[in-house]
Amino acid sequence: MALSISAALLLGIVVFVLLKGGYVRVGPALACSLFGFTLAATGLAPAINTGLASFAGLISSL
């Protein structure tokens, strides 16, 4: 059975677990989230999306 999940949802779950576990505080998590939003608005966003798609393809082929 194939499971499809968006990268945003998966990373959101990871951040939530790290916050609840006490590994990451709210301030650094917020800073990283804001950095991600600003990074998505740059010219580097297509390369990042291509890299994530390639990684997802690699994982799905295993």
PDB file of N, CA and C in Angstrom:
ATOM      1  N   MET A   1       0.835  -1.178   0.000  1.00  0.00           N
ATOM      2  CA  MET A   1       0.000   0.000   0.000  1.00  0.00           C
ATOM      3  C   MET A   1       0.882   1.244   0.000  1.00  0.00           C
ATOM      4  N   ALA A   2       0.648   2.144  -0.912  1.00  0.00           N
ATOM      5  CA  ALA A   2       1.429   3.369  -1.009  1.00  0.00           C
ATOM      6  C   ALA A   2       0.788   4.464  -0.165  1.00  0.00           C
ATOM      7  N   LEU A   3       1.630   5.207   0.522  1.00  0.00           N
ATOM      8  CA  LEU A   3       1.166   6.305   1.359  1.00  0.00           C
ATOM      9  C   LEU A   3       1.744   7.591   0.811  1.00  0.00           C
ATOM     10  N   SER A   4       0.898   8.551   0.531  1.00  0.00           N
ATOM     11  CA  SER A   4       1.343   9.834   0.014  1.00  0.00           C
ATOM     12  C   SER A   4       1.115  10.904   1.079  1.00  0.00           C
ATOM     13  N   ILE A   5       2.176  11.626   1.411  1.00  0.00           N
ATOM     14  CA  ILE A   5       2.090  12.681   2.413  1.00  0.00           C
ATOM     15  C   ILE A   5       2.930  13.859   1.934  1.00  0.00           C
ATOM     16  N   SER A   6       2.442  15.063   2.154  1.00  0.00           N
ATOM     17  CA  SER A   6       3.189  16.231   1.687  1.00  0.00           C
ATOM     18  C   SER A   6       4.398  16.471   2.587  1.00  0.00           C
ATOM     19  N   ALA A   7       5.404  17.085   2.008  1.00  0.00           N
ATOM     20  CA  ALA A   7       6.616  17.384   2.769  1.00  0.00           C
ATOM     21  C   ALA A   7       6.315  18.391   3.871  1.00  0.00           C
ATOM     22  N   ALA A   8       5.410  19.334   3.605  1.00  0.00           N
ATOM     23  CA  ALA A   8       5.070  20.332   4.618  1.00  0.00           C
ATOM     24  C   ALA A   8       4.426  19.674   5.834  1.00  0.00           C
ATOM     25  N   LEU A   9       3.536  18.729   5.600  1.00  0.00           N
ATOM     26  CA  LEU A   9       2.889  18.039   6.715  1.00  0.00           C
ATOM     27  C   LEU A   9       3.903  17.193   7.483  1.00  0.00           C
ATOM     28  N   LEU A  10       4.747  16.491   6.776  1.00  0.00           N
ATOM     29  CA  LEU A  10       5.757  15.654   7.425  1.00  0.00           C
ATOM     30  C   LEU A  10       6.712  16.498   8.270  1.00  0.00           C
ATOM     31  N   LEU A  11       7.194  17.610   7.715  1.00  0.00           N
ATOM     32  CA  LEU A  11       8.115  18.461   8.463  1.00  0.00           C
ATOM     33  C   LEU A  11       7.406  19.155   9.624  1.00  0.00           C
ATOM     34  N   GLY A  12       6.120  19.470   9.453  1.00  0.00           N
ATOM     35  CA  GLY A  12       5.350  20.032  10.558  1.00  0.00           C
ATOM     36  C   GLY A  12       5.236  19.067  11.718  1.00  0.00           C
ATOM     37  N   ILE A  13       5.034  17.800  11.408  1.00  0.00           N
ATOM     38  CA  ILE A  13       4.972  16.773  12.450  1.00  0.00           C
ATOM     39  C   ILE A  13       6.320  16.643  13.147  1.00  0.00           C
ATOM     40  N   VAL A  14       7.397  16.680  12.390  1.00  0.00           N
ATOM     41  CA  VAL A  14       8.732  16.589  12.980  1.00  0.00           C
ATOM     42  C   VAL A  14       8.980  17.760  13.929  1.00  0.00           C
ATOM     43  N   VAL A  15       8.629  18.980  13.509  1.00  0.00           N
ATOM     44  CA  VAL A  15       8.813  20.155  14.358  1.00  0.00           C
ATOM     45  C   VAL A  15       7.965  20.036  15.620  1.00  0.00           C
ATOM     46  N   PHE A  16       6.726  19.574  15.482  1.00  0.00           N
ATOM     47  CA  PHE A  16       5.846  19.410  16.640  1.00  0.00           C
ATOM     48  C   PHE A  16       6.441  18.420  17.638  1.00  0.00           C
ATOM     49  N   VAL A  17       6.941  17.303  17.148  1.00  0.00           N
ATOM     50  CA  VAL A  17       7.532  16.292  18.034  1.00  0.00           C
ATOM     51  C   VAL A  17       8.780  16.851  18.714  1.00  0.00           C
ATOM     52  N   LEU A  18       9.598  17.578  17.985  1.00  0.00           N
ATOM     53  CA  LEU A  18      10.799  18.159  18.587  1.00  0.00           C
ATOM     54  C   LEU A  18      10.454  19.204  19.636  1.00  0.00           C
ATOM     55  N   LEU A  19       9.407  19.989  19.378  1.00  0.00           N
ATOM     56  CA  LEU A  19       8.972  20.976  20.376  1.00  0.00           C
ATOM     57  C   LEU A  19       8.435  20.299  21.626  1.00  0.00           C
ATOM     58  N   LYS A  20       7.605  19.282  21.449  1.00  0.00           N
ATOM     59  CA  LYS A  20       7.028  18.583  22.602  1.00  0.00           C
ATOM     60  C   LYS A  20       8.095  17.825  23.393  1.00  0.00           C
ATOM     61  N   GLY A  21       9.096  17.315  22.720  1.00  0.00           N
ATOM     62  CA  GLY A  21      10.158  16.572  23.386  1.00  0.00           C
ATOM     63  C   GLY A  21      11.166  17.461  24.082  1.00  0.00           C
ATOM     64  N   GLY A  22      11.103  18.751  23.857  1.00  0.00           N
ATOM     65  CA  GLY A  22      12.030  19.674  24.495  1.00  0.00           C
ATOM     66  C   GLY A  22      13.371  19.793  23.803  1.00  0.00           C
ATOM     67  N   TYR A  23      13.491  19.211  22.611  1.00  0.00           N
ATOM     68  CA  TYR A  23      14.754  19.293  21.885  1.00  0.00           C
ATOM     69  C   TYR A  23      14.942  20.655  21.236  1.00  0.00           C
ATOM     70  N   VAL A  24      13.844  21.311  20.886  1.00  0.00           N
ATOM     71  CA  VAL A  24      13.879  22.611  20.228  1.00  0.00           C
ATOM     72  C   VAL A  24      12.919  23.529  20.966  1.00  0.00           C
ATOM     73  N   ARG A  25      13.342  24.744  21.203  1.00  0.00           N
ATOM     74  CA  ARG A  25      12.481  25.731  21.837  1.00  0.00           C
ATOM     75  C   ARG A  25      11.641  26.432  20.776  1.00  0.00           C
ATOM     76  N   VAL A  26      10.640  27.172  21.209  1.00  0.00           N
ATOM     77  CA  VAL A  26       9.712  27.832  20.293  1.00  0.00           C
ATOM     78  C   VAL A  26      10.425  28.891  19.451  1.00  0.00           C
ATOM     79  N   GLY A  27      11.318  29.654  20.046  1.00  0.00           N
ATOM     80  CA  GLY A  27      12.018  30.723  19.318  1.00  0.00           C
ATOM     81  C   GLY A  27      12.810  30.207  18.112  1.00  0.00           C
ATOM     82  N   PRO A  28      13.701  29.243  18.306  1.00  0.00           N
ATOM     83  CA  PRO A  28      14.444  28.710  17.155  1.00  0.00           C
ATOM     84  C   PRO A  28      13.544  28.042  16.117  1.00  0.00           C
ATOM     85  N   ALA A  29      12.488  27.377  16.564  1.00  0.00           N
ATOM     86  CA  ALA A  29      11.569  26.751  15.607  1.00  0.00           C
ATOM     87  C   ALA A  29      10.876  27.806  14.764  1.00  0.00           C
ATOM     88  N   LEU A  30      10.472  28.901  15.390  1.00  0.00           N
ATOM     89  CA  LEU A  30       9.833  29.998  14.657  1.00  0.00           C
ATOM     90  C   LEU A  30      10.821  30.644  13.692  1.00  0.00           C
ATOM     91  N   ALA A  31      12.061  30.830  14.134  1.00  0.00           N
ATOM     92  CA  ALA A  31      13.079  31.413  13.263  1.00  0.00           C
ATOM     93  C   ALA A  31      13.329  30.536  12.036  1.00  0.00           C
ATOM     94  N   CYS A  32      13.396  29.226  12.229  1.00  0.00           N
ATOM     95  CA  CYS A  32      13.602  28.310  11.104  1.00  0.00           C
ATOM     96  C   CYS A  32      12.414  28.317  10.161  1.00  0.00           C
ATOM     97  N   SER A  33      11.214  28.408  10.709  1.00  0.00           N
ATOM     98  CA  SER A  33      10.015  28.464   9.871  1.00  0.00           C
ATOM     99  C   SER A  33       9.997  29.733   9.029  1.00  0.00           C
ATOM    100  N   LEU A  34      10.318  30.856   9.646  1.00  0.00           N
ATOM    101  CA  LEU A  34      10.360  32.115   8.899  1.00  0.00           C
ATOM    102  C   LEU A  34      11.463  32.092   7.845  1.00  0.00           C
ATOM    103  N   PHE A  35      12.590  31.470   8.163  1.00  0.00           N
ATOM    104  CA  PHE A  35      13.654  31.332   7.177  1.00  0.00           C
ATOM    105  C   PHE A  35      13.181  30.506   5.989  1.00  0.00           C
ATOM    106  N   GLY A  36      12.418  29.460   6.255  1.00  0.00           N
ATOM    107  CA  GLY A  36      11.888  28.636   5.173  1.00  0.00           C
ATOM    108  C   GLY A  36      10.941  29.402   4.273  1.00  0.00           C
ATOM    109  N   PHE A  37      10.080  30.237   4.882  1.00  0.00           N
ATOM    110  CA  PHE A  37       9.165  31.039   4.077  1.00  0.00           C
ATOM    111  C   PHE A  37       9.912  32.056   3.225  1.00  0.00           C
ATOM    112  N   THR A  38      10.934  32.691   3.777  1.00  0.00           N
ATOM    113  CA  THR A  38      11.685  33.657   2.989  1.00  0.00           C
ATOM    114  C   THR A  38      12.525  32.959   1.920  1.00  0.00           C
ATOM    115  N   LEU A  39      13.036  31.786   2.217  1.00  0.00           N
ATOM    116  CA  LEU A  39      13.808  31.026   1.238  1.00  0.00           C
ATOM    117  C   LEU A  39      12.934  30.603   0.065  1.00  0.00           C
ATOM    118  N   ALA A  40      11.671  30.316   0.344  1.00  0.00           N
ATOM    119  CA  ALA A  40      10.749  29.907  -0.712  1.00  0.00           C
ATOM    120  C   ALA A  40      10.462  31.044  -1.686  1.00  0.00           C
ATOM    121  N   ALA A  41      10.682  32.269  -1.267  1.00  0.00           N
ATOM    122  CA  ALA A  41      10.424  33.418  -2.129  1.00  0.00           C
ATOM    123  C   ALA A  41      11.639  33.797  -2.981  1.00  0.00           C
ATOM    124  N   THR A  42      12.746  33.101  -2.814  1.00  0.00           N
ATOM    125  CA  THR A  42      13.955  33.434  -3.564  1.00  0.00           C
ATOM    126  C   THR A  42      14.042  32.608  -4.841  1.00  0.00           C
ATOM    127  N   GLY A  43      15.068  32.861  -5.614  1.00  0.00           N
ATOM    128  CA  GLY A  43      15.300  32.112  -6.840  1.00  0.00           C
ATOM    129  C   GLY A  43      15.800  30.704  -6.598  1.00  0.00           C
ATOM    130  N   LEU A  44      16.121  30.388  -5.372  1.00  0.00           N
ATOM    131  CA  LEU A  44      16.621  29.054  -5.021  1.00  0.00           C
ATOM    132  C   LEU A  44      15.493  28.047  -4.833  1.00  0.00           C
ATOM    133  N   ALA A  45      14.266  28.525  -4.742  1.00  0.00           N
ATOM    134  CA  ALA A  45      13.119  27.646  -4.468  1.00  0.00           C
ATOM    135  C   ALA A  45      12.948  26.528  -5.508  1.00  0.00           C
ATOM    136  N   PRO A  46      13.061  26.804  -6.820  1.00  0.00           N
ATOM    137  CA  PRO A  46      12.910  25.695  -7.774  1.00  0.00           C
ATOM    138  C   PRO A  46      13.959  24.592  -7.599  1.00  0.00           C
ATOM    139  N   ALA A  47      15.174  24.976  -7.276  1.00  0.00           N
ATOM    140  CA  ALA A  47      16.226  23.968  -7.068  1.00  0.00           C
ATOM    141  C   ALA A  47      15.922  23.129  -5.826  1.00  0.00           C
ATOM    142  N   ILE A  48      15.417  23.760  -4.790  1.00  0.00           N
ATOM    143  CA  ILE A  48      15.068  23.031  -3.566  1.00  0.00           C
ATOM    144  C   ILE A  48      13.920  22.070  -3.842  1.00  0.00           C
ATOM    145  N   ASN A  49      12.899  22.538  -4.579  1.00  0.00           N
ATOM    146  CA  ASN A  49      11.774  21.666  -4.918  1.00  0.00           C
ATOM    147  C   ASN A  49      12.215  20.484  -5.772  1.00  0.00           C
ATOM    148  N   THR A  50      13.117  20.726  -6.707  1.00  0.00           N
ATOM    149  CA  THR A  50      13.640  19.647  -7.543  1.00  0.00           C
ATOM    150  C   THR A  50      14.407  18.640  -6.699  1.00  0.00           C
ATOM    151  N   GLY A  51      15.211  19.133  -5.761  1.00  0.00           N
ATOM    152  CA  GLY A  51      15.960  18.245  -4.883  1.00  0.00           C
ATOM    153  C   GLY A  51      15.049  17.411  -4.002  1.00  0.00           C
ATOM    154  N   LEU A  52      13.996  18.039  -3.462  1.00  0.00           N
ATOM    155  CA  LEU A  52      13.048  17.286  -2.639  1.00  0.00           C
ATOM    156  C   LEU A  52      12.295  16.237  -3.464  1.00  0.00           C
ATOM    157  N   ALA A  53      11.946  16.587  -4.699  1.00  0.00           N
ATOM    158  CA  ALA A  53      11.253  15.635  -5.560  1.00  0.00           C
ATOM    159  C   ALA A  53      12.173  14.459  -5.905  1.00  0.00           C
ATOM    160  N   SER A  54      13.436  14.735  -6.149  1.00  0.00           N
ATOM    161  CA  SER A  54      14.395  13.667  -6.433  1.00  0.00           C
ATOM    162  C   SER A  54      14.574  12.756  -5.227  1.00  0.00           C
ATOM    163  N   PHE A  55      14.650  13.361  -4.042  1.00  0.00           N
ATOM    164  CA  PHE A  55      14.802  12.577  -2.820  1.00  0.00           C
ATOM    165  C   PHE A  55      13.562  11.706  -2.590  1.00  0.00           C
ATOM    166  N   ALA A  56      12.394  12.276  -2.820  1.00  0.00           N
ATOM    167  CA  ALA A  56      11.150  11.506  -2.658  1.00  0.00           C
ATOM    168  C   ALA A  56      11.105  10.354  -3.659  1.00  0.00           C
ATOM    169  N   GLY A  57      11.560  10.593  -4.875  1.00  0.00           N
ATOM    170  CA  GLY A  57      11.619   9.525  -5.867  1.00  0.00           C
ATOM    171  C   GLY A  57      12.578   8.419  -5.460  1.00  0.00           C
ATOM    172  N   LEU A  58      13.694   8.823  -4.883  1.00  0.00           N
ATOM    173  CA  LEU A  58      14.673   7.839  -4.416  1.00  0.00           C
ATOM    174  C   LEU A  58      14.098   6.993  -3.297  1.00  0.00           C
ATOM    175  N   ILE A  59      13.444   7.643  -2.351  1.00  0.00           N
ATOM    176  CA  ILE A  59      12.847   6.919  -1.227  1.00  0.00           C
ATOM    177  C   ILE A  59      11.738   5.976  -1.702  1.00  0.00           C
ATOM    178  N   SER A  60      10.929   6.443  -2.644  1.00  0.00           N
ATOM    179  CA  SER A  60       9.812   5.605  -3.114  1.00  0.00           C
ATOM    180  C   SER A  60      10.287   4.403  -3.924  1.00  0.00           C
ATOM    181  N   SER A  61      11.492   4.485  -4.484  1.00  0.00           N
ATOM    182  CA  SER A  61      11.993   3.361  -5.273  1.00  0.00           C
ATOM    183  C   SER A  61      12.613   2.272  -4.403  1.00  0.00           C
ATOM    184  N   LEU A  62      12.818   2.557  -3.135  1.00  0.00           N
ATOM    185  CA  LEU A  62      13.431   1.555  -2.252  1.00  0.00           C
ATOM    186  C   LEU A  62      12.464   0.493  -1.831  1.00  0.00           C
TER     187      LEU A  62
END
